[in-house]
Amino acid sequence: MKKNNKKIINIIVVLCVIGFLLTIFDFLALHDIHNEYISTRVLKRLNITLSGDLPEWTSTKGEWDVVRISYLFRFIFFVFCVAVLYKLNVGHSN
């Protein structure tokens, strides 16, 4: 195996571990969102009125940020993997 290919494989393994950890954080964030998220729009639809504004934590902004970052990472990672595997396959067949 070429030294360059071994380096690429090591990078992909590290990125896979990061992706796995982000998937765990996704689960935890979505669990929090399920338990804490309250939408003013949904409350209005249900004809529930409040005496004041909802607390800031009910928007679960941090949890949604974790989900967005994780999905962005995975999208970029999959595009990267497809490009690298295609390049390795094309380079191998020549």
PDB file of N, CA and C in Angstrom:
ATOM      1  N   MET A   1       0.856  -1.178   0.000  1.00  0.00           N
ATOM      2  CA  MET A   1       0.000   0.000   0.000  1.00  0.00           C
ATOM      3  C   MET A   1       0.896   1.234   0.000  1.00  0.00           C
ATOM      4  N   LYS A   2       0.527   2.198  -0.815  1.00  0.00           N
ATOM      5  CA  LYS A   2       1.304   3.430  -0.888  1.00  0.00           C
ATOM      6  C   LYS A   2       1.202   4.189   0.430  1.00  0.00           C
ATOM      7  N   LYS A   3       2.267   4.915   0.755  1.00  0.00           N
ATOM      8  CA  LYS A   3       2.291   5.707   1.992  1.00  0.00           C
ATOM      9  C   LYS A   3       1.193   6.768   1.970  1.00  0.00           C
ATOM     10  N   ASN A   4       0.945   7.352   0.792  1.00  0.00           N
ATOM     11  CA  ASN A   4      -0.091   8.377   0.656  1.00  0.00           C
ATOM     12  C   ASN A   4      -1.477   7.788   0.937  1.00  0.00           C
ATOM     13  N   ASN A   5      -1.728   6.577   0.445  1.00  0.00           N
ATOM     14  CA  ASN A   5      -3.016   5.926   0.689  1.00  0.00           C
ATOM     15  C   ASN A   5      -3.208   5.629   2.171  1.00  0.00           C
ATOM     16  N   LYS A   6      -2.139   5.230   2.843  1.00  0.00           N
ATOM     17  CA  LYS A   6      -2.227   4.940   4.267  1.00  0.00           C
ATOM     18  C   LYS A   6      -2.576   6.207   5.046  1.00  0.00           C
ATOM     19  N   LYS A   7      -1.998   7.340   4.649  1.00  0.00           N
ATOM     20  CA  LYS A   7      -2.296   8.613   5.304  1.00  0.00           C
ATOM     21  C   LYS A   7      -3.765   8.979   5.084  1.00  0.00           C
ATOM     22  N   ILE A   8      -4.263   8.792   3.870  1.00  0.00           N
ATOM     23  CA  ILE A   8      -5.668   9.087   3.560  1.00  0.00           C
ATOM     24  C   ILE A   8      -6.590   8.193   4.379  1.00  0.00           C
ATOM     25  N   ILE A   9      -6.246   6.923   4.494  1.00  0.00           N
ATOM     26  CA  ILE A   9      -7.065   5.989   5.273  1.00  0.00           C
ATOM     27  C   ILE A   9      -7.086   6.415   6.743  1.00  0.00           C
ATOM     28  N   ASN A  10      -5.953   6.821   7.284  1.00  0.00           N
ATOM     29  CA  ASN A  10      -5.898   7.282   8.676  1.00  0.00           C
ATOM     30  C   ASN A  10      -6.766   8.526   8.882  1.00  0.00           C
ATOM     31  N   ILE A  11      -6.732   9.450   7.923  1.00  0.00           N
ATOM     32  CA  ILE A  11      -7.572  10.646   8.019  1.00  0.00           C
ATOM     33  C   ILE A  11      -9.046  10.256   8.004  1.00  0.00           C
ATOM     34  N   ILE A  12      -9.422   9.338   7.128  1.00  0.00           N
ATOM     35  CA  ILE A  12     -10.819   8.907   7.040  1.00  0.00           C
ATOM     36  C   ILE A  12     -11.248   8.201   8.327  1.00  0.00           C
ATOM     37  N   VAL A  13     -10.387   7.413   8.908  1.00  0.00           N
ATOM     38  CA  VAL A  13     -10.721   6.743  10.174  1.00  0.00           C
ATOM     39  C   VAL A  13     -10.968   7.781  11.273  1.00  0.00           C
ATOM     40  N   VAL A  14     -10.111   8.784  11.361  1.00  0.00           N
ATOM     41  CA  VAL A  14     -10.301   9.836  12.362  1.00  0.00           C
ATOM     42  C   VAL A  14     -11.625  10.564  12.116  1.00  0.00           C
ATOM     43  N   LEU A  15     -11.917  10.876  10.858  1.00  0.00           N
ATOM     44  CA  LEU A  15     -13.176  11.543  10.529  1.00  0.00           C
ATOM     45  C   LEU A  15     -14.379  10.654  10.841  1.00  0.00           C
ATOM     46  N   CYS A  16     -14.236   9.350  10.663  1.00  0.00           N
ATOM     47  CA  CYS A  16     -15.314   8.417  11.025  1.00  0.00           C
ATOM     48  C   CYS A  16     -15.574   8.453  12.532  1.00  0.00           C
ATOM     49  N   VAL A  17     -14.530   8.490  13.322  1.00  0.00           N
ATOM     50  CA  VAL A  17     -14.689   8.564  14.779  1.00  0.00           C
ATOM     51  C   VAL A  17     -15.385   9.872  15.162  1.00  0.00           C
ATOM     52  N   ILE A  18     -14.973  10.976  14.536  1.00  0.00           N
ATOM     53  CA  ILE A  18     -15.628  12.260  14.805  1.00  0.00           C
ATOM     54  C   ILE A  18     -17.100  12.188  14.406  1.00  0.00           C
ATOM     55  N   GLY A  19     -17.384  11.601  13.246  1.00  0.00           N
ATOM     56  CA  GLY A  19     -18.773  11.444  12.810  1.00  0.00           C
ATOM     57  C   GLY A  19     -19.585  10.595  13.760  1.00  0.00           C
ATOM     58  N   PHE A  20     -18.978   9.540  14.295  1.00  0.00           N
ATOM     59  CA  PHE A  20     -19.665   8.684  15.255  1.00  0.00           C
ATOM     60  C   PHE A  20     -19.988   9.457  16.535  1.00  0.00           C
ATOM     61  N   LEU A  21     -19.010  10.219  17.020  1.00  0.00           N
ATOM     62  CA  LEU A  21     -19.244  11.028  18.231  1.00  0.00           C
ATOM     63  C   LEU A  21     -20.333  12.074  17.989  1.00  0.00           C
ATOM     64  N   LEU A  22     -20.319  12.698  16.823  1.00  0.00           N
ATOM     65  CA  LEU A  22     -21.358  13.673  16.503  1.00  0.00           C
ATOM     66  C   LEU A  22     -22.731  13.011  16.417  1.00  0.00           C
ATOM     67  N   THR A  23     -22.790  11.767  15.967  1.00  0.00           N
ATOM     68  CA  THR A  23     -24.057  11.042  15.925  1.00  0.00           C
ATOM     69  C   THR A  23     -24.594  10.810  17.335  1.00  0.00           C
ATOM     70  N   ILE A  24     -23.700  10.503  18.264  1.00  0.00           N
ATOM     71  CA  ILE A  24     -24.119  10.349  19.666  1.00  0.00           C
ATOM     72  C   ILE A  24     -24.636  11.681  20.206  1.00  0.00           C
ATOM     73  N   PHE A  25     -23.908  12.784  19.898  1.00  0.00           N
ATOM     74  CA  PHE A  25     -24.365  14.108  20.338  1.00  0.00           C
ATOM     75  C   PHE A  25     -25.703  14.466  19.699  1.00  0.00           C
ATOM     76  N   ASP A  26     -25.907  14.053  18.435  1.00  0.00           N
ATOM     77  CA  ASP A  26     -27.206  14.254  17.780  1.00  0.00           C
ATOM     78  C   ASP A  26     -28.321  13.611  18.585  1.00  0.00           C
ATOM     79  N   PHE A  27     -28.094  12.365  18.960  1.00  0.00           N
ATOM     80  CA  PHE A  27     -29.116  11.642  19.720  1.00  0.00           C
ATOM     81  C   PHE A  27     -29.423  12.379  21.023  1.00  0.00           C
ATOM     82  N   LEU A  28     -28.374  12.780  21.726  1.00  0.00           N
ATOM     83  CA  LEU A  28     -28.575  13.479  22.996  1.00  0.00           C
ATOM     84  C   LEU A  28     -29.286  14.817  22.790  1.00  0.00           C
ATOM     85  N   ALA A  29     -28.899  15.549  21.747  1.00  0.00           N
ATOM     86  CA  ALA A  29     -29.533  16.838  21.467  1.00  0.00           C
ATOM     87  C   ALA A  29     -30.993  16.648  21.087  1.00  0.00           C
ATOM     88  N   LEU A  30     -31.273  15.666  20.232  1.00  0.00           N
ATOM     89  CA  LEU A  30     -32.661  15.430  19.823  1.00  0.00           C
ATOM     90  C   LEU A  30     -33.506  14.939  20.996  1.00  0.00           C
ATOM     91  N   HIS A  31     -32.894  14.216  21.914  1.00  0.00           N
ATOM     92  CA  HIS A  31     -33.609  13.785  23.117  1.00  0.00           C
ATOM     93  C   HIS A  31     -33.998  15.007  23.954  1.00  0.00           C
ATOM     94  N   ASP A  32     -33.057  15.947  24.127  1.00  0.00           N
ATOM     95  CA  ASP A  32     -33.359  17.182  24.849  1.00  0.00           C
ATOM     96  C   ASP A  32     -34.437  17.995  24.137  1.00  0.00           C
ATOM     97  N   ILE A  33     -34.323  18.097  22.820  1.00  0.00           N
ATOM     98  CA  ILE A  33     -35.319  18.845  22.059  1.00  0.00           C
ATOM     99  C   ILE A  33     -36.699  18.224  22.267  1.00  0.00           C
ATOM    100  N   HIS A  34     -36.765  16.921  22.214  1.00  0.00           N
ATOM    101  CA  HIS A  34     -38.043  16.224  22.408  1.00  0.00           C
ATOM    102  C   HIS A  34     -38.643  16.545  23.777  1.00  0.00           C
ATOM    103  N   ASN A  35     -37.790  16.648  24.781  1.00  0.00           N
ATOM    104  CA  ASN A  35     -38.282  16.877  26.142  1.00  0.00           C
ATOM    105  C   ASN A  35     -38.471  18.344  26.516  1.00  0.00           C
ATOM    106  N   GLU A  36     -37.768  19.264  25.842  1.00  0.00           N
ATOM    107  CA  GLU A  36     -37.767  20.656  26.283  1.00  0.00           C
ATOM    108  C   GLU A  36     -38.318  21.655  25.282  1.00  0.00           C
ATOM    109  N   TYR A  37     -38.416  21.293  24.022  1.00  0.00           N
ATOM    110  CA  TYR A  37     -38.797  22.267  22.997  1.00  0.00           C
ATOM    111  C   TYR A  37     -40.269  22.634  23.112  1.00  0.00           C
ATOM    112  N   ILE A  38     -40.528  23.928  23.153  1.00  0.00           N
ATOM    113  CA  ILE A  38     -41.904  24.425  23.162  1.00  0.00           C
ATOM    114  C   ILE A  38     -41.978  25.524  22.105  1.00  0.00           C
ATOM    115  N   SER A  39     -42.878  25.355  21.167  1.00  0.00           N
ATOM    116  CA  SER A  39     -43.022  26.320  20.095  1.00  0.00           C
ATOM    117  C   SER A  39     -44.217  27.223  20.358  1.00  0.00           C
ATOM    118  N   THR A  40     -43.999  28.524  20.242  1.00  0.00           N
ATOM    119  CA  THR A  40     -45.113  29.462  20.408  1.00  0.00           C
ATOM    120  C   THR A  40     -46.156  29.230  19.326  1.00  0.00           C
ATOM    121  N   ARG A  41     -45.714  28.858  18.155  1.00  0.00           N
ATOM    122  CA  ARG A  41     -46.638  28.582  17.052  1.00  0.00           C
ATOM    123  C   ARG A  41     -47.558  27.410  17.384  1.00  0.00           C
ATOM    124  N   VAL A  42     -47.002  26.363  17.964  1.00  0.00           N
ATOM    125  CA  VAL A  42     -47.816  25.203  18.343  1.00  0.00           C
ATOM    126  C   VAL A  42     -48.783  25.582  19.459  1.00  0.00           C
ATOM    127  N   LEU A  43     -48.310  26.357  20.433  1.00  0.00           N
ATOM    128  CA  LEU A  43     -49.188  26.788  21.517  1.00  0.00           C
ATOM    129  C   LEU A  43     -50.362  27.614  20.979  1.00  0.00           C
ATOM    130  N   LYS A  44     -50.098  28.488  20.016  1.00  0.00           N
ATOM    131  CA  LYS A  44     -51.177  29.283  19.415  1.00  0.00           C
ATOM    132  C   LYS A  44     -52.169  28.375  18.689  1.00  0.00           C
ATOM    133  N   ARG A  45     -51.652  27.379  17.977  1.00  0.00           N
ATOM    134  CA  ARG A  45     -52.517  26.443  17.268  1.00  0.00           C
ATOM    135  C   ARG A  45     -53.421  25.680  18.235  1.00  0.00           C
ATOM    136  N   LEU A  46     -52.912  25.411  19.418  1.00  0.00           N
ATOM    137  CA  LEU A  46     -53.683  24.685  20.427  1.00  0.00           C
ATOM    138  C   LEU A  46     -54.524  25.621  21.297  1.00  0.00           C
ATOM    139  N   ASN A  47     -54.502  26.901  20.952  1.00  0.00           N
ATOM    140  CA  ASN A  47     -55.240  27.930  21.712  1.00  0.00           C
ATOM    141  C   ASN A  47     -54.809  27.986  23.173  1.00  0.00           C
ATOM    142  N   ILE A  48     -53.520  27.864  23.392  1.00  0.00           N
ATOM    143  CA  ILE A  48     -52.965  27.979  24.743  1.00  0.00           C
ATOM    144  C   ILE A  48     -52.297  29.341  24.843  1.00  0.00           C
ATOM    145  N   THR A  49     -52.724  30.121  25.791  1.00  0.00           N
ATOM    146  CA  THR A  49     -52.118  31.441  25.977  1.00  0.00           C
ATOM    147  C   THR A  49     -51.267  31.430  27.238  1.00  0.00           C
ATOM    148  N   LEU A  50     -50.220  32.201  27.188  1.00  0.00           N
ATOM    149  CA  LEU A  50     -49.307  32.298  28.326  1.00  0.00           C
ATOM    150  C   LEU A  50     -49.376  33.698  28.911  1.00  0.00           C
ATOM    151  N   SER A  51     -49.050  33.808  30.171  1.00  0.00           N
ATOM    152  CA  SER A  51     -49.057  35.120  30.823  1.00  0.00           C
ATOM    153  C   SER A  51     -47.809  35.924  30.454  1.00  0.00           C
ATOM    154  N   GLY A  52     -46.798  35.254  29.943  1.00  0.00           N
ATOM    155  CA  GLY A  52     -45.558  35.935  29.559  1.00  0.00           C
ATOM    156  C   GLY A  52     -44.862  35.161  28.455  1.00  0.00           C
ATOM    157  N   ASP A  53     -43.640  35.575  28.171  1.00  0.00           N
ATOM    158  CA  ASP A  53     -42.852  34.880  27.157  1.00  0.00           C
ATOM    159  C   ASP A  53     -42.344  33.548  27.703  1.00  0.00           C
ATOM    160  N   LEU A  54     -42.074  32.652  26.787  1.00  0.00           N
ATOM    161  CA  LEU A  54     -41.489  31.363  27.177  1.00  0.00           C
ATOM    162  C   LEU A  54     -40.046  31.580  27.628  1.00  0.00           C
ATOM    163  N   PRO A  55     -39.562  30.769  28.563  1.00  0.00           N
ATOM    164  CA  PRO A  55     -38.144  30.869  28.959  1.00  0.00           C
ATOM    165  C   PRO A  55     -37.235  30.561  27.762  1.00  0.00           C
ATOM    166  N   GLU A  56     -36.066  31.151  27.754  1.00  0.00           N
ATOM    167  CA  GLU A  56     -35.116  30.988  26.643  1.00  0.00           C
ATOM    168  C   GLU A  56     -34.760  29.513  26.400  1.00  0.00           C
ATOM    169  N   TRP A  57     -34.630  28.725  27.460  1.00  0.00           N
ATOM    170  CA  TRP A  57     -34.213  27.329  27.307  1.00  0.00           C
ATOM    171  C   TRP A  57     -35.217  26.499  26.525  1.00  0.00           C
ATOM    172  N   THR A  58     -36.456  26.941  26.436  1.00  0.00           N
ATOM    173  CA  THR A  58     -37.462  26.150  25.722  1.00  0.00           C
ATOM    174  C   THR A  58     -37.247  26.147  24.215  1.00  0.00           C
ATOM    175  N   SER A  59     -36.422  27.068  23.711  1.00  0.00           N
ATOM    176  CA  SER A  59     -36.148  27.094  22.266  1.00  0.00           C
ATOM    177  C   SER A  59     -35.100  26.065  21.877  1.00  0.00           C
ATOM    178  N   THR A  60     -34.368  25.525  22.848  1.00  0.00           N
ATOM    179  CA  THR A  60     -33.307  24.517  22.648  1.00  0.00           C
ATOM    180  C   THR A  60     -32.346  24.911  21.522  1.00  0.00           C
ATOM    181  N   LYS A  61     -31.946  26.181  21.521  1.00  0.00           N
ATOM    182  CA  LYS A  61     -31.047  26.693  20.473  1.00  0.00           C
ATOM    183  C   LYS A  61     -29.729  25.928  20.415  1.00  0.00           C
ATOM    184  N   GLY A  62     -29.119  25.666  21.551  1.00  0.00           N
ATOM    185  CA  GLY A  62     -27.843  24.939  21.566  1.00  0.00           C
ATOM    186  C   GLY A  62     -27.968  23.546  20.990  1.00  0.00           C
ATOM    187  N   GLU A  63     -29.064  22.866  21.318  1.00  0.00           N
ATOM    188  CA  GLU A  63     -29.273  21.512  20.801  1.00  0.00           C
ATOM    189  C   GLU A  63     -29.462  21.531  19.284  1.00  0.00           C
ATOM    190  N   TRP A  64     -30.217  22.518  18.784  1.00  0.00           N
ATOM    191  CA  TRP A  64     -30.400  22.618  17.329  1.00  0.00           C
ATOM    192  C   TRP A  64     -29.073  22.936  16.649  1.00  0.00           C
ATOM    193  N   ASP A  65     -28.209  23.726  17.292  1.00  0.00           N
ATOM    194  CA  ASP A  65     -26.887  24.017  16.732  1.00  0.00           C
ATOM    195  C   ASP A  65     -26.047  22.742  16.615  1.00  0.00           C
ATOM    196  N   VAL A  66     -26.113  21.889  17.637  1.00  0.00           N
ATOM    197  CA  VAL A  66     -25.381  20.612  17.593  1.00  0.00           C
ATOM    198  C   VAL A  66     -25.864  19.773  16.409  1.00  0.00           C
ATOM    199  N   VAL A  67     -27.173  19.710  16.212  1.00  0.00           N
ATOM    200  CA  VAL A  67     -27.731  18.916  15.110  1.00  0.00           C
ATOM    201  C   VAL A  67     -27.281  19.498  13.762  1.00  0.00           C
ATOM    202  N   ARG A  68     -27.329  20.812  13.617  1.00  0.00           N
ATOM    203  CA  ARG A  68     -26.908  21.454  12.354  1.00  0.00           C
ATOM    204  C   ARG A  68     -25.433  21.189  12.061  1.00  0.00           C
ATOM    205  N   ILE A  69     -24.586  21.358  13.066  1.00  0.00           N
ATOM    206  CA  ILE A  69     -23.146  21.134  12.872  1.00  0.00           C
ATOM    207  C   ILE A  69     -22.880  19.682  12.501  1.00  0.00           C
ATOM    208  N   SER A  70     -23.559  18.778  13.157  1.00  0.00           N
ATOM    209  CA  SER A  70     -23.363  17.361  12.878  1.00  0.00           C
ATOM    210  C   SER A  70     -23.767  17.006  11.457  1.00  0.00           C
ATOM    211  N   TYR A  71     -24.920  17.495  11.025  1.00  0.00           N
ATOM    212  CA  TYR A  71     -25.364  17.200   9.661  1.00  0.00           C
ATOM    213  C   TYR A  71     -24.450  17.833   8.628  1.00  0.00           C
ATOM    214  N   LEU A  72     -23.982  19.055   8.878  1.00  0.00           N
ATOM    215  CA  LEU A  72     -23.048  19.705   7.965  1.00  0.00           C
ATOM    216  C   LEU A  72     -21.748  18.913   7.879  1.00  0.00           C
ATOM    217  N   PHE A  73     -21.227  18.483   9.037  1.00  0.00           N
ATOM    218  CA  PHE A  73     -19.999  17.685   9.044  1.00  0.00           C
ATOM    219  C   PHE A  73     -20.188  16.412   8.230  1.00  0.00           C
ATOM    220  N   ARG A  74     -21.293  15.705   8.480  1.00  0.00           N
ATOM    221  CA  ARG A  74     -21.518  14.444   7.772  1.00  0.00           C
ATOM    222  C   ARG A  74     -21.684  14.657   6.277  1.00  0.00           C
ATOM    223  N   PHE A  75     -22.350  15.723   5.860  1.00  0.00           N
ATOM    224  CA  PHE A  75     -22.507  16.002   4.434  1.00  0.00           C
ATOM    225  C   PHE A  75     -21.139  16.201   3.786  1.00  0.00           C
ATOM    226  N   ILE A  76     -20.321  17.068   4.397  1.00  0.00           N
ATOM    227  CA  ILE A  76     -18.984  17.321   3.856  1.00  0.00           C
ATOM    228  C   ILE A  76     -18.145  16.050   3.877  1.00  0.00           C
ATOM    229  N   PHE A  77     -18.257  15.272   4.960  1.00  0.00           N
ATOM    230  CA  PHE A  77     -17.499  14.033   5.086  1.00  0.00           C
ATOM    231  C   PHE A  77     -17.866  13.040   3.987  1.00  0.00           C
ATOM    232  N   PHE A  78     -19.149  12.865   3.713  1.00  0.00           N
ATOM    233  CA  PHE A  78     -19.564  11.915   2.683  1.00  0.00           C
ATOM    234  C   PHE A  78     -19.118  12.365   1.291  1.00  0.00           C
ATOM    235  N   VAL A  79     -19.213  13.656   1.016  1.00  0.00           N
ATOM    236  CA  VAL A  79     -18.731  14.164  -0.272  1.00  0.00           C
ATOM    237  C   VAL A  79     -17.226  13.922  -0.381  1.00  0.00           C
ATOM    238  N   PHE A  80     -16.502  14.190   0.690  1.00  0.00           N
ATOM    239  CA  PHE A  80     -15.055  13.961   0.718  1.00  0.00           C
ATOM    240  C   PHE A  80     -14.734  12.486   0.471  1.00  0.00           C
ATOM    241  N   CYS A  81     -15.459  11.592   1.155  1.00  0.00           N
ATOM    242  CA  CYS A  81     -15.200  10.153   1.000  1.00  0.00           C
ATOM    243  C   CYS A  81     -15.470   9.687  -0.418  1.00  0.00           C
ATOM    244  N   VAL A  82     -16.557  10.145  -1.001  1.00  0.00           N
ATOM    245  CA  VAL A  82     -16.867   9.758  -2.384  1.00  0.00           C
ATOM    246  C   VAL A  82     -15.758  10.236  -3.319  1.00  0.00           C
ATOM    247  N   ALA A  83     -15.317  11.480  -3.145  1.00  0.00           N
ATOM    248  CA  ALA A  83     -14.255  12.019  -3.999  1.00  0.00           C
ATOM    249  C   ALA A  83     -12.953  11.235  -3.824  1.00  0.00           C
ATOM    250  N   VAL A  84     -12.589  10.949  -2.589  1.00  0.00           N
ATOM    251  CA  VAL A  84     -11.337  10.223  -2.329  1.00  0.00           C
ATOM    252  C   VAL A  84     -11.421   8.793  -2.863  1.00  0.00           C
ATOM    253  N   LEU A  85     -12.517   8.117  -2.604  1.00  0.00           N
ATOM    254  CA  LEU A  85     -12.658   6.742  -3.092  1.00  0.00           C
ATOM    255  C   LEU A  85     -12.676   6.693  -4.616  1.00  0.00           C
ATOM    256  N   TYR A  86     -13.313   7.663  -5.233  1.00  0.00           N
ATOM    257  CA  TYR A  86     -13.322   7.721  -6.697  1.00  0.00           C
ATOM    258  C   TYR A  86     -11.899   7.928  -7.221  1.00  0.00           C
ATOM    259  N   LYS A  87     -11.184   8.864  -6.594  1.00  0.00           N
ATOM    260  CA  LYS A  87      -9.802   9.154  -7.018  1.00  0.00           C
ATOM    261  C   LYS A  87      -8.911   7.916  -6.815  1.00  0.00           C
ATOM    262  N   LEU A  88      -9.059   7.251  -5.665  1.00  0.00           N
ATOM    263  CA  LEU A  88      -8.260   6.052  -5.412  1.00  0.00           C
ATOM    264  C   LEU A  88      -8.601   4.942  -6.413  1.00  0.00           C
ATOM    265  N   ASN A  89      -9.861   4.803  -6.733  1.00  0.00           N
ATOM    266  CA  ASN A  89     -10.289   3.765  -7.672  1.00  0.00           C
ATOM    267  C   ASN A  89      -9.797   4.076  -9.078  1.00  0.00           C
ATOM    268  N   VAL A  90      -9.903   5.324  -9.515  1.00  0.00           N
ATOM    269  CA  VAL A  90      -9.433   5.715 -10.835  1.00  0.00           C
ATOM    270  C   VAL A  90      -7.905   5.582 -10.892  1.00  0.00           C
ATOM    271  N   GLY A  91      -7.231   6.007  -9.839  1.00  0.00           N
ATOM    272  CA  GLY A  91      -5.778   5.899  -9.779  1.00  0.00           C
ATOM    273  C   GLY A  91      -5.309   4.459  -9.746  1.00  0.00           C
ATOM    274  N   HIS A  92      -6.102   3.575  -9.140  1.00  0.00           N
ATOM    275  CA  HIS A  92      -5.748   2.163  -9.040  1.00  0.00           C
ATOM    276  C   HIS A  92      -5.923   1.441 -10.365  1.00  0.00           C
ATOM    277  N   SER A  93      -6.899   1.863 -11.165  1.00  0.00           N
ATOM    278  CA  SER A  93      -7.190   1.140 -12.392  1.00  0.00           C
ATOM    279  C   SER A  93      -6.213   1.490 -13.508  1.00  0.00           C
ATOM    280  N   ASN A  94      -5.423   2.562 -13.350  1.00  0.00           N
ATOM    281  CA  ASN A  94      -4.460   2.944 -14.403  1.00  0.00           C
ATOM    282  C   ASN A  94      -3.174   2.217 -14.272  1.00  0.00           C
TER     283      ASN A  94
END
